[in-house]
Amino acid sequence: MKGYCLISALLLTVASASAQEGWRDTTAAETGGRVILKEGSFIQPVTPRDSILVADRLLYGFELDNVPDSTVLAFPQVANPFMQDVLSLPVWKVDTVKVQKIRATNSRLLNIRASIAIQPFEEGTYELPPLFVQRIHTDGTVDTIQFRQQTIEVFTMPVDTATYVPHDLRGQIKYPVTFAEILPWLMGFWALALLVAGLVAWIISRRRNADGPAFKEPAHITALRKLDKYRGDKFWVPEKQKQFYSGVTDALREYIVARYGVGAMEMTTAEIFEGLRGTDIPADLYMEMKDLFERADFVKFAKYIATPEDNATVLPQAVRFVTSTYQTEVEEEAAAETQEQEEPKPAPHVEKDEDYMPR
């Protein structure tokens, strides 16, 4: 049950009904091998058959309609064996099959279905004992309800009396395969084929790109392009300053790695500028960048709020650092090329004519 009414845990052995409820009009009908009595007892095979065979499991129970939700039901204890040659599972299975709400009294009426499992092991006709249940009302009144008993006829497997030869079990019926059954397998195959083809094409493309010449953007171009994303004062608000200073210093760190070979991405500010000491960076630019990185550390790790004046100098200082150091590199390369061109080349060796004079 789903909690609509309380089923008592008491196990009672009912010998007779203290107050039998009169039987109502019932009609019997056979549907799928089951006998259903309206508001009465029923016998129902767990596996629907046209007849009951030896060792078939049956549900023997009753249906009780329009039970107020405040009613307590006490079910009798079930003996095992249930009767001669009939075993039972001594546990009641109780379900609420229907709930009817009554708005006027704010209550519910329940249709209860209760059953036990029995199993006959001998052929023959069995008169099952009647079922009892005690119904306890809220006012303390106890009704003992007796449900009409059932009769079952149990058969064994028929024997061919002409030959008395037992027949073997029939083989499994083989049904033709339909297109609907094959379709999921076809779709899965084509999806797998497309996936493999795409993976092969991606691997071939990667190999071709690896074999061909790879264009590498100059370090100063990359740095200036990343710094350009932080133009404007929209990053100066306190909640965006950490993003602003992190982006600017990360772009400068990558440029320092490419330009000077210093592992700035894994270094602290002190370690970075210790590695840059002794390079071609002018002293004023060196101190300017050191001050910028230290201010960025305060913003990122100490929750420091920089002033608008400090924020306004960040991008110009970063751009000036990149362009100045790159210009120094260009000048050094140009000077090296000029020096190489001005160096005197050794005169080519000229063989004298005397070397070819006949002896």
Protein backbone atom coordinates (compact mmCIF):
# COMPACT_ATOMS: atom_id res chain seq x y z
CA MET A 1 0.00 0.00 0.00
CA LYS A 2 1.02 3.61 -0.43
CA GLY A 3 0.08 4.92 3.00
CA TYR A 4 -3.61 5.60 2.48
CA CYS A 5 -4.80 3.33 5.29
CA LEU A 6 -3.20 1.55 8.21
CA ILE A 7 -2.80 -2.21 7.88
CA SER A 8 -2.38 -3.83 11.27
CA ALA A 9 0.72 -5.94 11.89
CA LEU A 10 -1.26 -8.31 14.13
CA LEU A 11 -1.39 -11.90 12.91
CA LEU A 12 -4.65 -13.50 13.98
CA THR A 13 -5.93 -17.03 13.41
CA VAL A 14 -9.64 -16.63 12.70
CA ALA A 15 -11.71 -19.76 13.31
CA SER A 16 -15.13 -18.25 12.67
CA ALA A 17 -16.66 -14.89 11.80
CA SER A 18 -18.00 -12.98 14.79
CA ALA A 19 -20.17 -10.87 12.55
CA GLN A 20 -20.49 -11.93 8.93
CA GLU A 21 -21.28 -9.32 6.33
CA GLY A 22 -24.03 -10.34 3.95
CA TRP A 23 -22.96 -11.32 0.46
CA ARG A 24 -23.72 -8.84 -2.26
CA ASP A 25 -24.73 -9.69 -5.79
CA THR A 26 -21.74 -10.97 -7.69
CA THR A 27 -21.16 -11.92 -11.29
CA ALA A 28 -18.42 -14.30 -12.42
CA ALA A 29 -16.51 -13.98 -15.67
CA GLU A 30 -13.51 -15.78 -17.05
CA THR A 31 -10.87 -13.50 -18.64
CA GLY A 32 -7.45 -14.82 -19.54
CA GLY A 33 -7.75 -17.84 -17.25
CA ARG A 34 -8.82 -15.78 -14.19
CA VAL A 35 -12.05 -15.96 -12.23
CA ILE A 36 -13.08 -12.56 -10.79
CA LEU A 37 -15.85 -12.18 -8.27
CA LYS A 38 -17.06 -8.65 -7.71
CA GLU A 39 -16.24 -7.59 -4.17
CA GLY A 40 -15.41 -11.19 -3.33
CA SER A 41 -12.61 -13.72 -3.43
CA PHE A 42 -10.59 -14.60 -6.52
CA ILE A 43 -8.09 -17.17 -7.72
CA GLN A 44 -5.62 -15.93 -10.27
CA PRO A 45 -2.62 -17.72 -11.88
CA VAL A 46 0.58 -15.69 -11.67
CA THR A 47 1.35 -16.83 -15.22
CA PRO A 48 -1.87 -16.58 -17.28
CA ARG A 49 -2.90 -19.98 -18.72
CA ASP A 50 -6.02 -21.62 -20.05
CA SER A 51 -5.72 -24.27 -17.31
CA ILE A 52 -3.94 -24.75 -13.99
CA LEU A 53 -1.05 -27.24 -14.02
CA VAL A 54 0.85 -28.90 -11.21
CA ALA A 55 3.32 -26.54 -9.46
CA ASP A 56 1.71 -23.41 -10.94
CA ARG A 57 1.76 -20.48 -8.55
CA LEU A 58 -1.65 -18.93 -7.87
CA LEU A 59 -2.82 -15.80 -6.07
CA TYR A 60 -5.72 -16.52 -3.74
CA GLY A 61 -7.28 -13.43 -2.24
CA PHE A 62 -10.10 -10.95 -2.08
CA GLU A 63 -11.08 -7.39 -2.99
CA LEU A 64 -12.65 -5.08 -0.44
CA ASP A 65 -14.15 -1.87 -1.85
CA ASN A 66 -15.05 1.49 -0.27
CA VAL A 67 -12.98 1.06 2.88
CA PRO A 68 -12.65 4.31 4.90
CA ASP A 69 -9.04 5.37 5.26
CA SER A 70 -9.30 5.31 9.05
CA THR A 71 -10.14 1.57 9.09
CA VAL A 72 -7.63 -0.96 10.47
CA LEU A 73 -7.50 -4.38 8.81
CA ALA A 74 -6.14 -7.42 10.69
CA PHE A 75 -5.20 -10.36 8.51
CA PRO A 76 -5.12 -13.98 9.72
CA GLN A 77 -1.91 -15.95 9.92
CA VAL A 78 -1.46 -18.27 6.94
CA ALA A 79 -0.35 -21.83 7.61
CA ASN A 80 2.18 -23.65 5.43
CA PRO A 81 1.15 -26.02 3.95
CA PHE A 82 -2.05 -24.18 3.17
CA MET A 83 -3.84 -27.51 2.91
CA GLN A 84 -2.92 -31.02 1.89
CA ASP A 85 -0.72 -31.03 -1.25
CA VAL A 86 -0.93 -27.22 -1.46
CA LEU A 87 1.95 -25.10 -0.23
CA SER A 88 1.74 -21.37 0.49
CA LEU A 89 3.91 -18.32 0.92
CA PRO A 90 2.63 -17.13 4.32
CA VAL A 91 2.86 -13.42 3.54
CA TRP A 92 -0.09 -11.27 2.64
CA LYS A 93 0.32 -8.94 -0.32
CA VAL A 94 -1.94 -5.90 0.16
CA ASP A 95 -2.41 -3.14 -2.44
CA THR A 96 -4.59 -0.07 -2.73
CA VAL A 97 -6.00 -0.25 -6.24
CA LYS A 98 -8.22 2.83 -6.13
CA VAL A 99 -8.65 5.95 -4.01
CA GLN A 100 -11.88 7.96 -3.98
CA LYS A 101 -11.77 11.37 -2.30
CA ILE A 102 -14.84 12.72 -0.51
CA ARG A 103 -14.62 16.49 -0.24
CA ALA A 104 -17.57 16.91 2.04
CA THR A 105 -15.94 14.97 4.90
CA ASN A 106 -12.34 15.43 3.75
CA SER A 107 -11.83 11.67 3.79
CA ARG A 108 -11.01 8.86 1.37
CA LEU A 109 -12.57 5.56 0.36
CA LEU A 110 -10.13 2.85 -0.65
CA ASN A 111 -10.43 -0.28 -2.77
CA ILE A 112 -8.19 -2.92 -1.15
CA ARG A 113 -6.82 -6.00 -2.89
CA ALA A 114 -5.17 -8.66 -0.69
CA SER A 115 -3.81 -12.06 -1.68
CA ILE A 116 -1.46 -14.90 -0.73
CA ALA A 117 0.53 -17.16 -3.05
CA ILE A 118 -0.33 -20.88 -3.12
CA GLN A 119 1.11 -23.74 -5.16
CA PRO A 120 -0.56 -27.16 -5.70
CA PHE A 121 1.70 -30.18 -6.28
CA GLU A 122 -0.80 -32.90 -7.02
CA GLU A 123 -3.43 -33.33 -9.73
CA GLY A 124 -7.03 -33.10 -8.64
CA THR A 125 -9.85 -30.82 -7.51
CA TYR A 126 -9.27 -28.65 -4.44
CA GLU A 127 -11.89 -26.92 -2.30
CA LEU A 128 -9.88 -24.01 -0.87
CA PRO A 129 -10.80 -22.84 2.63
CA PRO A 130 -12.55 -19.48 2.88
CA LEU A 131 -10.63 -16.30 3.63
CA PHE A 132 -11.20 -14.13 6.68
CA VAL A 133 -10.20 -10.60 7.61
CA GLN A 134 -11.05 -8.49 10.63
CA ARG A 135 -12.03 -4.86 10.04
CA ILE A 136 -11.62 -2.52 13.02
CA HIS A 137 -13.48 0.79 12.80
CA THR A 138 -12.54 4.03 14.54
CA ASP A 139 -15.26 3.52 17.12
CA GLY A 140 -13.74 0.17 18.17
CA THR A 141 -16.25 -1.99 16.32
CA VAL A 142 -14.65 -5.16 14.92
CA ASP A 143 -16.15 -6.89 11.89
CA THR A 144 -14.98 -10.34 10.75
CA ILE A 145 -15.49 -10.60 7.03
CA GLN A 146 -15.58 -14.03 5.38
CA PHE A 147 -15.03 -14.30 1.68
CA ARG A 148 -16.47 -17.06 -0.47
CA GLN A 149 -14.14 -20.02 -0.95
CA GLN A 150 -12.83 -21.05 -4.36
CA THR A 151 -12.51 -24.38 -6.15
CA ILE A 152 -9.57 -25.15 -8.44
CA GLU A 153 -8.92 -28.08 -10.73
CA VAL A 154 -5.27 -28.97 -11.25
CA PHE A 155 -4.05 -30.92 -14.29
CA THR A 156 -0.84 -32.61 -15.30
CA MET A 157 0.69 -32.61 -18.77
CA PRO A 158 -1.39 -34.86 -21.06
CA VAL A 159 0.17 -38.09 -22.28
CA ASP A 160 -0.26 -39.45 -25.80
CA THR A 161 -2.36 -42.52 -24.96
CA ALA A 162 -1.96 -43.96 -28.46
CA THR A 163 1.80 -44.39 -28.35
CA TYR A 164 2.70 -43.56 -24.73
CA VAL A 165 5.76 -41.83 -26.11
CA PRO A 166 6.72 -38.61 -24.30
CA HIS A 167 7.26 -35.67 -26.59
CA ASP A 168 10.34 -33.54 -26.26
CA LEU A 169 10.15 -29.84 -25.59
CA ARG A 170 9.53 -27.72 -28.64
CA GLY A 171 12.38 -25.61 -29.89
CA GLN A 172 12.38 -21.86 -29.73
CA ILE A 173 10.22 -20.21 -32.35
CA LYS A 174 12.34 -18.28 -34.85
CA TYR A 175 10.70 -15.14 -36.15
CA PRO A 176 11.94 -13.34 -39.28
CA VAL A 177 14.19 -10.35 -38.65
CA THR A 178 12.48 -7.05 -39.47
CA PHE A 179 13.98 -3.85 -40.80
CA ALA A 180 13.06 -2.04 -37.58
CA GLU A 181 15.32 -4.42 -35.67
CA ILE A 182 18.22 -3.93 -38.10
CA LEU A 183 17.90 -0.12 -38.31
CA PRO A 184 19.58 0.68 -34.95
CA TRP A 185 22.54 -1.52 -35.87
CA LEU A 186 22.86 0.17 -39.26
CA MET A 187 22.74 3.63 -37.71
CA GLY A 188 25.34 2.64 -35.15
CA PHE A 189 27.62 1.23 -37.86
CA TRP A 190 27.41 4.38 -40.00
CA ALA A 191 27.94 6.62 -36.96
CA LEU A 192 31.05 4.63 -36.04
CA ALA A 193 32.28 4.76 -39.65
CA LEU A 194 31.85 8.55 -39.76
CA LEU A 195 33.65 8.90 -36.44
CA VAL A 196 36.59 6.82 -37.65
CA ALA A 197 36.74 8.73 -40.95
CA GLY A 198 36.73 12.06 -39.12
CA LEU A 199 39.48 10.88 -36.78
CA VAL A 200 41.63 9.71 -39.69
CA ALA A 201 41.11 13.03 -41.52
CA TRP A 202 42.08 14.97 -38.40
CA ILE A 203 45.27 12.91 -37.93
CA ILE A 204 46.25 13.41 -41.59
CA SER A 205 45.60 17.16 -41.31
CA ARG A 206 47.74 17.40 -38.18
CA ARG A 207 50.58 15.57 -39.86
CA ARG A 208 50.43 17.81 -42.91
CA ASN A 209 50.49 20.92 -40.75
CA ALA A 210 53.40 19.53 -38.78
CA ASP A 211 55.38 18.77 -41.94
CA GLY A 212 54.74 22.17 -43.55
CA PRO A 213 56.36 25.45 -42.52
CA ALA A 214 54.79 26.97 -39.42
CA PHE A 215 54.51 30.77 -39.29
CA LYS A 216 55.40 32.13 -35.88
CA GLU A 217 54.20 35.60 -35.00
CA PRO A 218 56.92 37.91 -33.60
CA ALA A 219 56.84 38.18 -29.82
CA HIS A 220 56.28 41.95 -29.76
CA ILE A 221 53.31 41.67 -32.15
CA THR A 222 51.71 39.05 -29.93
CA ALA A 223 52.26 41.15 -26.81
CA LEU A 224 50.89 44.34 -28.35
CA ARG A 225 47.84 42.49 -29.66
CA LYS A 226 47.05 41.10 -26.20
CA LEU A 227 47.64 44.46 -24.52
CA ASP A 228 45.25 46.14 -26.95
CA LYS A 229 42.35 44.13 -25.43
CA TYR A 230 42.64 46.13 -22.21
CA ARG A 231 42.33 49.63 -23.68
CA GLY A 232 39.72 51.89 -22.13
CA ASP A 233 38.67 52.49 -18.55
CA LYS A 234 36.03 49.75 -18.29
CA PHE A 235 38.59 47.53 -16.50
CA TRP A 236 39.39 50.17 -13.87
CA VAL A 237 36.37 49.47 -11.67
CA PRO A 238 37.39 47.68 -8.43
CA GLU A 239 35.74 44.36 -9.32
CA LYS A 240 37.65 44.18 -12.64
CA GLN A 241 41.08 45.45 -11.56
CA LYS A 242 42.35 41.95 -10.80
CA GLN A 243 41.45 40.82 -14.32
CA PHE A 244 43.02 43.98 -15.78
CA TYR A 245 46.37 43.69 -13.99
CA SER A 246 46.55 39.91 -14.49
CA GLY A 247 45.99 40.23 -18.24
CA VAL A 248 48.57 42.99 -18.69
CA THR A 249 51.29 41.30 -16.62
CA ASP A 250 50.65 37.88 -18.25
CA ALA A 251 51.16 39.45 -21.70
CA LEU A 252 54.41 41.05 -20.46
CA ARG A 253 55.56 37.76 -18.90
CA GLU A 254 55.11 35.93 -22.21
CA TYR A 255 57.03 38.68 -24.01
CA ILE A 256 59.89 38.50 -21.47
CA VAL A 257 60.12 34.74 -22.00
CA ALA A 258 60.35 35.14 -25.77
CA ARG A 259 62.62 38.21 -25.76
CA TYR A 260 65.07 37.49 -22.94
CA GLY A 261 64.69 33.74 -22.29
CA VAL A 262 63.72 34.28 -18.66
CA GLY A 263 61.11 31.78 -17.34
CA ALA A 264 58.80 34.55 -16.20
CA MET A 265 55.59 32.47 -16.30
CA GLU A 266 56.67 30.40 -13.28
CA MET A 267 58.59 33.14 -11.42
CA THR A 268 57.67 35.70 -8.80
CA THR A 269 58.13 39.39 -9.46
CA ALA A 270 61.43 39.47 -7.57
CA GLU A 271 62.76 36.48 -9.52
CA ILE A 272 61.74 37.99 -12.86
CA PHE A 273 63.55 41.25 -12.32
CA GLU A 274 66.55 39.49 -10.85
CA GLY A 275 66.76 37.56 -14.12
CA LEU A 276 66.42 40.80 -16.15
CA ARG A 277 69.22 42.48 -14.25
CA GLY A 278 72.17 43.17 -16.54
CA THR A 279 70.13 43.11 -19.78
CA ASP A 280 69.83 45.96 -22.28
CA ILE A 281 66.71 47.35 -20.56
CA PRO A 282 67.23 51.02 -19.63
CA ALA A 283 67.36 51.68 -15.89
CA ASP A 284 64.32 53.97 -15.83
CA LEU A 285 62.24 51.46 -17.85
CA TYR A 286 63.46 48.63 -15.62
CA MET A 287 62.27 50.43 -12.46
CA GLU A 288 59.02 51.43 -14.14
CA MET A 289 58.19 47.79 -14.99
CA LYS A 290 59.19 46.59 -11.54
CA ASP A 291 56.84 49.11 -9.96
CA LEU A 292 54.03 47.97 -12.33
CA PHE A 293 54.49 44.27 -11.44
CA GLU A 294 54.62 45.00 -7.70
CA ARG A 295 51.41 47.05 -7.93
CA ALA A 296 49.78 44.18 -9.85
CA ASP A 297 50.77 41.76 -7.06
CA PHE A 298 49.09 44.01 -4.48
CA VAL A 299 45.90 44.15 -6.58
CA LYS A 300 45.82 40.39 -7.25
CA PHE A 301 46.82 39.04 -3.85
CA ALA A 302 46.33 41.82 -1.26
CA LYS A 303 42.96 43.19 -2.52
CA TYR A 304 44.55 46.57 -3.14
CA ILE A 305 42.40 49.06 -5.08
CA ALA A 306 44.55 51.08 -7.45
CA THR A 307 43.76 54.72 -8.13
CA PRO A 308 42.53 55.89 -11.54
CA GLU A 309 45.84 57.73 -12.01
CA ASP A 310 47.80 54.50 -11.50
CA ASN A 311 45.44 52.58 -13.80
CA ALA A 312 45.85 55.18 -16.54
CA THR A 313 49.63 54.60 -16.64
CA VAL A 314 49.50 50.79 -16.87
CA LEU A 315 48.95 50.30 -20.61
CA PRO A 316 51.27 53.13 -21.78
CA GLN A 317 54.06 51.75 -19.61
CA ALA A 318 53.54 48.20 -20.86
CA VAL A 319 53.43 49.29 -24.51
CA ARG A 320 56.52 51.46 -24.07
CA PHE A 321 58.42 48.54 -22.53
CA VAL A 322 57.56 46.24 -25.45
CA THR A 323 58.29 48.77 -28.20
CA SER A 324 61.52 50.06 -26.59
CA THR A 325 63.03 46.63 -26.01
CA TYR A 326 61.97 45.46 -29.44
CA GLN A 327 63.52 48.56 -31.03
CA THR A 328 66.76 47.82 -29.20
CA GLU A 329 66.73 44.32 -30.64
CA VAL A 330 66.13 45.68 -34.15
CA GLU A 331 69.00 48.13 -33.75
CA GLU A 332 71.30 45.37 -32.53
CA GLU A 333 70.41 43.18 -35.49
CA ALA A 334 70.93 46.08 -37.92
CA ALA A 335 74.32 46.91 -36.37
CA ALA A 336 75.39 43.29 -36.65
CA GLU A 337 74.43 43.19 -40.32
CA THR A 338 76.28 46.48 -41.00
CA GLN A 339 79.40 45.22 -39.26
CA GLU A 340 79.27 42.05 -41.25
CA GLN A 341 79.03 43.99 -44.52
CA GLU A 342 81.91 46.35 -43.60
CA GLU A 343 84.35 43.60 -42.72
CA PRO A 344 86.97 43.22 -45.57
CA LYS A 345 86.59 40.04 -47.49
CA PRO A 346 89.77 38.02 -48.22
CA ALA A 347 91.08 38.52 -51.75
CA PRO A 348 90.60 35.59 -54.04
CA HIS A 349 93.68 33.55 -54.81
CA VAL A 350 95.06 34.25 -58.29
CA GLU A 351 97.44 31.79 -59.73
CA LYS A 352 100.45 33.29 -61.43
CA ASP A 353 101.29 32.55 -64.99
CA GLU A 354 104.63 31.19 -63.94
CA ASP A 355 102.86 28.19 -62.47
CA TYR A 356 101.89 27.20 -65.97
CA MET A 357 105.31 27.81 -67.64
CA PRO A 358 106.57 24.77 -69.43
CA ARG A 359 109.57 23.14 -67.89
